[in-house]
């Protein structure tokens, strides 16, 4: 085996002009499948352990049936309650400038 033959195999370069290129895509296909399955799991684990700086918003209804927007800001660790979506949007826009 020549010293450059491993490089030639990795780069799919034929060692001689008459030699056909041998390709084995089974490992490549398997790796793509593994990455596709583990990608979302890794993203979820990263978000779980590192947390997120994005605010979380929940919708609730009070006893009278009015909609309440409850926002939690993980940066300041504060919870805010708004009675309208417009007030929530104003708070969300202003929190980046504080």
N, C-alpha and C. Protein backbone atom coordinates (compact mmCIF):
# COMPACT_ATOMS: atom_id res chain seq x y z
N UNK A 1 0.85 -1.18 0.00
CA UNK A 1 0.00 0.00 0.00
C UNK A 1 0.89 1.24 0.00
N UNK A 2 0.66 2.12 -0.91
CA UNK A 2 1.44 3.34 -1.01
C UNK A 2 1.06 4.30 0.12
N UNK A 3 1.97 5.20 0.51
CA UNK A 3 1.66 6.14 1.59
C UNK A 3 0.47 7.04 1.26
N UNK A 4 0.30 7.38 0.01
CA UNK A 4 -0.78 8.28 -0.37
C UNK A 4 -2.07 7.55 -0.72
N UNK A 5 -2.06 6.21 -0.61
CA UNK A 5 -3.25 5.47 -1.00
C UNK A 5 -4.43 5.72 -0.05
N UNK A 6 -4.15 5.90 1.24
CA UNK A 6 -5.22 6.20 2.18
C UNK A 6 -5.85 7.55 1.85
N UNK A 7 -5.00 8.52 1.55
CA UNK A 7 -5.50 9.83 1.14
C UNK A 7 -6.32 9.71 -0.13
N UNK A 8 -5.84 8.92 -1.07
CA UNK A 8 -6.56 8.74 -2.32
C UNK A 8 -7.91 8.09 -2.08
N UNK A 9 -7.96 7.13 -1.16
CA UNK A 9 -9.24 6.49 -0.85
C UNK A 9 -10.20 7.46 -0.19
N UNK A 10 -9.69 8.27 0.74
CA UNK A 10 -10.55 9.22 1.44
C UNK A 10 -11.09 10.29 0.49
N UNK A 11 -10.27 10.70 -0.44
CA UNK A 11 -10.67 11.74 -1.37
C UNK A 11 -11.31 11.18 -2.64
N UNK A 12 -11.45 9.84 -2.70
CA UNK A 12 -12.04 9.16 -3.85
C UNK A 12 -11.27 9.44 -5.13
N UNK A 13 -9.95 9.47 -5.01
CA UNK A 13 -9.07 9.69 -6.15
C UNK A 13 -8.56 8.32 -6.60
N UNK A 14 -8.73 7.99 -7.86
CA UNK A 14 -8.19 6.71 -8.32
C UNK A 14 -6.67 6.75 -8.33
N UNK A 15 -6.03 5.65 -7.93
CA UNK A 15 -4.57 5.59 -7.90
C UNK A 15 -3.99 5.50 -9.29
N UNK A 16 -4.72 4.92 -10.19
CA UNK A 16 -4.29 4.88 -11.59
C UNK A 16 -5.47 5.29 -12.45
N UNK A 17 -5.21 5.80 -13.63
CA UNK A 17 -6.32 6.26 -14.47
C UNK A 17 -7.30 5.16 -14.85
N UNK A 18 -6.84 3.89 -14.88
CA UNK A 18 -7.71 2.80 -15.27
C UNK A 18 -8.57 2.30 -14.10
N UNK A 19 -8.17 2.61 -12.87
CA UNK A 19 -8.86 2.09 -11.69
C UNK A 19 -10.16 2.86 -11.46
N UNK A 20 -11.27 2.16 -11.34
CA UNK A 20 -12.53 2.86 -11.06
C UNK A 20 -12.57 3.35 -9.61
N UNK A 21 -13.34 4.37 -9.39
CA UNK A 21 -13.50 4.91 -8.04
C UNK A 21 -14.45 4.00 -7.27
N UNK A 22 -14.02 3.53 -6.12
CA UNK A 22 -14.87 2.69 -5.29
C UNK A 22 -15.52 3.56 -4.22
N UNK A 23 -16.81 3.51 -4.17
CA UNK A 23 -17.53 4.32 -3.20
C UNK A 23 -18.34 3.42 -2.29
N UNK A 24 -18.29 3.73 -1.03
CA UNK A 24 -19.09 3.01 -0.05
C UNK A 24 -19.87 4.06 0.73
N UNK A 25 -21.13 4.23 0.39
CA UNK A 25 -21.93 5.26 1.00
C UNK A 25 -22.72 4.76 2.22
N UNK A 26 -22.58 3.50 2.57
CA UNK A 26 -23.37 2.98 3.67
C UNK A 26 -23.02 3.66 4.99
N UNK A 27 -21.75 3.91 5.23
CA UNK A 27 -21.34 4.59 6.46
C UNK A 27 -21.83 6.04 6.46
N UNK A 28 -21.74 6.68 5.31
CA UNK A 28 -22.22 8.06 5.21
C UNK A 28 -23.71 8.17 5.46
N UNK A 29 -24.46 7.25 4.89
CA UNK A 29 -25.91 7.26 5.11
C UNK A 29 -26.26 6.99 6.56
N UNK A 30 -25.53 6.07 7.17
CA UNK A 30 -25.79 5.76 8.58
C UNK A 30 -25.49 6.97 9.45
N UNK A 31 -24.40 7.67 9.16
CA UNK A 31 -24.03 8.84 9.96
C UNK A 31 -25.07 9.95 9.81
N UNK A 32 -25.57 10.15 8.61
CA UNK A 32 -26.61 11.16 8.39
C UNK A 32 -27.86 10.80 9.18
N UNK A 33 -28.21 9.52 9.20
CA UNK A 33 -29.38 9.09 9.97
C UNK A 33 -29.21 9.30 11.46
N UNK A 34 -28.01 9.00 11.96
CA UNK A 34 -27.73 9.19 13.39
C UNK A 34 -27.80 10.66 13.75
N UNK A 35 -27.21 11.51 12.93
CA UNK A 35 -27.25 12.95 13.21
C UNK A 35 -28.67 13.48 13.17
N UNK A 36 -29.48 12.97 12.26
CA UNK A 36 -30.86 13.44 12.17
C UNK A 36 -31.66 13.05 13.40
N UNK A 37 -31.35 11.89 13.98
CA UNK A 37 -32.08 11.45 15.17
C UNK A 37 -31.57 12.10 16.45
N UNK A 38 -30.26 12.31 16.53
CA UNK A 38 -29.68 12.86 17.75
C UNK A 38 -29.69 14.38 17.80
N UNK A 39 -29.86 15.04 16.67
CA UNK A 39 -29.86 16.50 16.64
C UNK A 39 -30.90 17.12 17.55
N UNK A 40 -32.17 16.74 17.42
CA UNK A 40 -33.19 17.32 18.30
C UNK A 40 -32.98 16.96 19.77
N UNK A 41 -32.46 15.77 20.04
CA UNK A 41 -32.20 15.38 21.43
C UNK A 41 -31.11 16.27 22.01
N UNK A 42 -30.06 16.50 21.25
CA UNK A 42 -28.98 17.36 21.72
C UNK A 42 -29.44 18.79 21.95
N UNK A 43 -30.27 19.28 21.06
CA UNK A 43 -30.80 20.64 21.21
C UNK A 43 -31.65 20.75 22.47
N UNK A 44 -32.48 19.76 22.71
CA UNK A 44 -33.33 19.76 23.90
C UNK A 44 -32.50 19.67 25.18
N UNK A 45 -31.47 18.84 25.18
CA UNK A 45 -30.60 18.74 26.36
C UNK A 45 -29.85 20.04 26.61
N UNK A 46 -29.38 20.66 25.57
CA UNK A 46 -28.67 21.94 25.71
C UNK A 46 -29.59 23.00 26.29
N UNK A 47 -30.81 23.07 25.79
CA UNK A 47 -31.77 24.05 26.31
C UNK A 47 -32.13 23.75 27.76
N UNK A 48 -32.22 22.47 28.12
CA UNK A 48 -32.57 22.10 29.48
C UNK A 48 -31.47 22.47 30.46
N UNK A 49 -30.22 22.15 30.13
CA UNK A 49 -29.13 22.39 31.06
C UNK A 49 -28.64 23.84 31.06
N UNK A 50 -28.69 24.50 29.94
CA UNK A 50 -28.19 25.87 29.85
C UNK A 50 -29.28 26.91 30.07
N UNK A 51 -30.51 26.51 29.86
CA UNK A 51 -31.60 27.46 30.01
C UNK A 51 -31.68 28.39 28.81
N UNK A 52 -32.60 29.28 28.86
CA UNK A 52 -32.80 30.22 27.78
C UNK A 52 -33.03 31.60 28.36
N UNK A 53 -32.63 32.61 27.63
CA UNK A 53 -32.85 33.99 28.07
C UNK A 53 -34.13 34.56 27.49
N UNK A 54 -34.84 33.77 26.69
CA UNK A 54 -36.09 34.24 26.10
C UNK A 54 -37.20 34.20 27.14
N UNK A 55 -38.05 35.22 27.14
CA UNK A 55 -39.16 35.21 28.10
C UNK A 55 -40.17 34.12 27.73
N UNK A 56 -40.83 33.59 28.75
CA UNK A 56 -41.87 32.59 28.56
C UNK A 56 -43.21 33.24 28.88
N UNK A 57 -44.19 32.99 28.04
CA UNK A 57 -45.51 33.60 28.22
C UNK A 57 -46.54 32.50 28.30
N UNK A 58 -47.43 32.60 29.30
CA UNK A 58 -48.54 31.67 29.46
C UNK A 58 -49.84 32.46 29.42
N UNK A 59 -50.87 31.83 28.94
CA UNK A 59 -52.21 32.44 28.95
C UNK A 59 -53.02 31.80 30.06
N UNK A 60 -53.66 32.63 30.83
CA UNK A 60 -54.55 32.16 31.91
C UNK A 60 -55.85 32.96 31.85
N UNK A 61 -56.84 32.42 32.48
CA UNK A 61 -58.11 33.13 32.63
C UNK A 61 -58.39 33.32 34.10
N UNK A 62 -58.86 34.52 34.46
CA UNK A 62 -59.21 34.76 35.85
C UNK A 62 -60.64 34.27 36.10
N UNK A 63 -61.14 34.51 37.30
CA UNK A 63 -62.47 34.01 37.67
C UNK A 63 -63.59 34.61 36.83
N UNK A 64 -63.36 35.78 36.32
CA UNK A 64 -64.38 36.45 35.51
C UNK A 64 -64.29 36.05 34.04
N UNK A 65 -63.27 35.28 33.66
CA UNK A 65 -63.11 34.85 32.28
C UNK A 65 -62.23 35.74 31.45
N UNK A 66 -61.61 36.74 32.10
CA UNK A 66 -60.71 37.63 31.37
C UNK A 66 -59.38 36.92 31.10
N UNK A 67 -58.80 37.20 29.94
CA UNK A 67 -57.53 36.59 29.57
C UNK A 67 -56.39 37.36 30.22
N UNK A 68 -55.47 36.63 30.84
CA UNK A 68 -54.27 37.22 31.43
C UNK A 68 -53.05 36.65 30.75
N UNK A 69 -52.10 37.51 30.48
CA UNK A 69 -50.83 37.10 29.90
C UNK A 69 -49.78 37.15 31.00
N UNK A 70 -49.26 36.00 31.37
CA UNK A 70 -48.26 35.92 32.44
C UNK A 70 -46.92 35.66 31.79
N UNK A 71 -45.99 36.63 31.96
CA UNK A 71 -44.68 36.53 31.34
C UNK A 71 -43.63 36.35 32.43
N UNK A 72 -42.70 35.44 32.18
CA UNK A 72 -41.57 35.22 33.09
C UNK A 72 -40.30 35.59 32.36
N UNK A 73 -39.51 36.46 32.98
CA UNK A 73 -38.24 36.89 32.41
C UNK A 73 -37.11 36.16 33.13
N UNK A 74 -36.45 35.18 32.49
CA UNK A 74 -35.40 34.43 33.19
C UNK A 74 -34.15 35.25 33.48
N UNK A 75 -33.96 36.36 32.79
CA UNK A 75 -32.79 37.20 33.04
C UNK A 75 -32.94 37.92 34.37
N UNK A 76 -34.08 38.58 34.58
CA UNK A 76 -34.32 39.32 35.83
C UNK A 76 -35.01 38.46 36.88
N UNK A 77 -35.45 37.27 36.47
CA UNK A 77 -36.17 36.34 37.36
C UNK A 77 -37.43 36.98 37.94
N UNK A 78 -38.12 37.73 37.12
CA UNK A 78 -39.36 38.38 37.54
C UNK A 78 -40.53 37.88 36.71
N UNK A 79 -41.69 37.88 37.33
CA UNK A 79 -42.92 37.47 36.66
C UNK A 79 -43.80 38.71 36.51
N UNK A 80 -44.36 38.88 35.33
CA UNK A 80 -45.21 40.03 35.04
C UNK A 80 -46.55 39.53 34.51
N UNK A 81 -47.61 40.20 34.91
CA UNK A 81 -48.96 39.84 34.47
C UNK A 81 -49.55 41.02 33.71
N UNK A 82 -50.08 40.72 32.52
CA UNK A 82 -50.66 41.76 31.67
C UNK A 82 -52.07 41.36 31.30
N UNK A 83 -52.94 42.39 31.17
CA UNK A 83 -54.34 42.11 30.83
C UNK A 83 -54.59 42.23 29.33
N UNK A 84 -53.60 42.70 28.57
CA UNK A 84 -53.78 42.80 27.13
C UNK A 84 -52.50 42.36 26.41
N UNK A 85 -52.69 41.91 25.20
CA UNK A 85 -51.54 41.49 24.40
C UNK A 85 -50.68 42.70 24.04
N UNK A 86 -51.30 43.85 23.85
CA UNK A 86 -50.55 45.05 23.51
C UNK A 86 -49.60 45.43 24.65
N UNK A 87 -50.05 45.35 25.89
CA UNK A 87 -49.19 45.66 27.03
C UNK A 87 -48.04 44.67 27.13
N UNK A 88 -48.30 43.41 26.84
CA UNK A 88 -47.25 42.40 26.83
C UNK A 88 -46.21 42.72 25.77
N UNK A 89 -46.66 43.11 24.59
CA UNK A 89 -45.72 43.44 23.51
C UNK A 89 -44.87 44.66 23.84
N UNK A 90 -45.47 45.65 24.49
CA UNK A 90 -44.70 46.85 24.90
C UNK A 90 -43.63 46.45 25.90
N UNK A 91 -43.98 45.63 26.87
CA UNK A 91 -42.99 45.17 27.86
C UNK A 91 -41.88 44.38 27.18
N UNK A 92 -42.25 43.48 26.27
CA UNK A 92 -41.26 42.64 25.59
C UNK A 92 -40.29 43.50 24.77
N UNK A 93 -40.79 44.55 24.14
CA UNK A 93 -39.92 45.44 23.37
C UNK A 93 -39.01 46.26 24.28
N UNK A 94 -39.51 46.71 25.42
CA UNK A 94 -38.74 47.57 26.31
C UNK A 94 -37.74 46.82 27.15
N UNK A 95 -37.93 45.55 27.38
CA UNK A 95 -37.03 44.81 28.27
C UNK A 95 -35.62 44.71 27.72
N UNK A 96 -35.45 44.82 26.40
CA UNK A 96 -34.12 44.75 25.81
C UNK A 96 -33.35 46.05 25.98
N UNK A 97 -34.05 47.14 26.26
CA UNK A 97 -33.39 48.44 26.40
C UNK A 97 -33.11 48.80 27.86
N UNK A 98 -33.47 47.93 28.79
CA UNK A 98 -33.24 48.23 30.22
C UNK A 98 -31.88 47.76 30.65
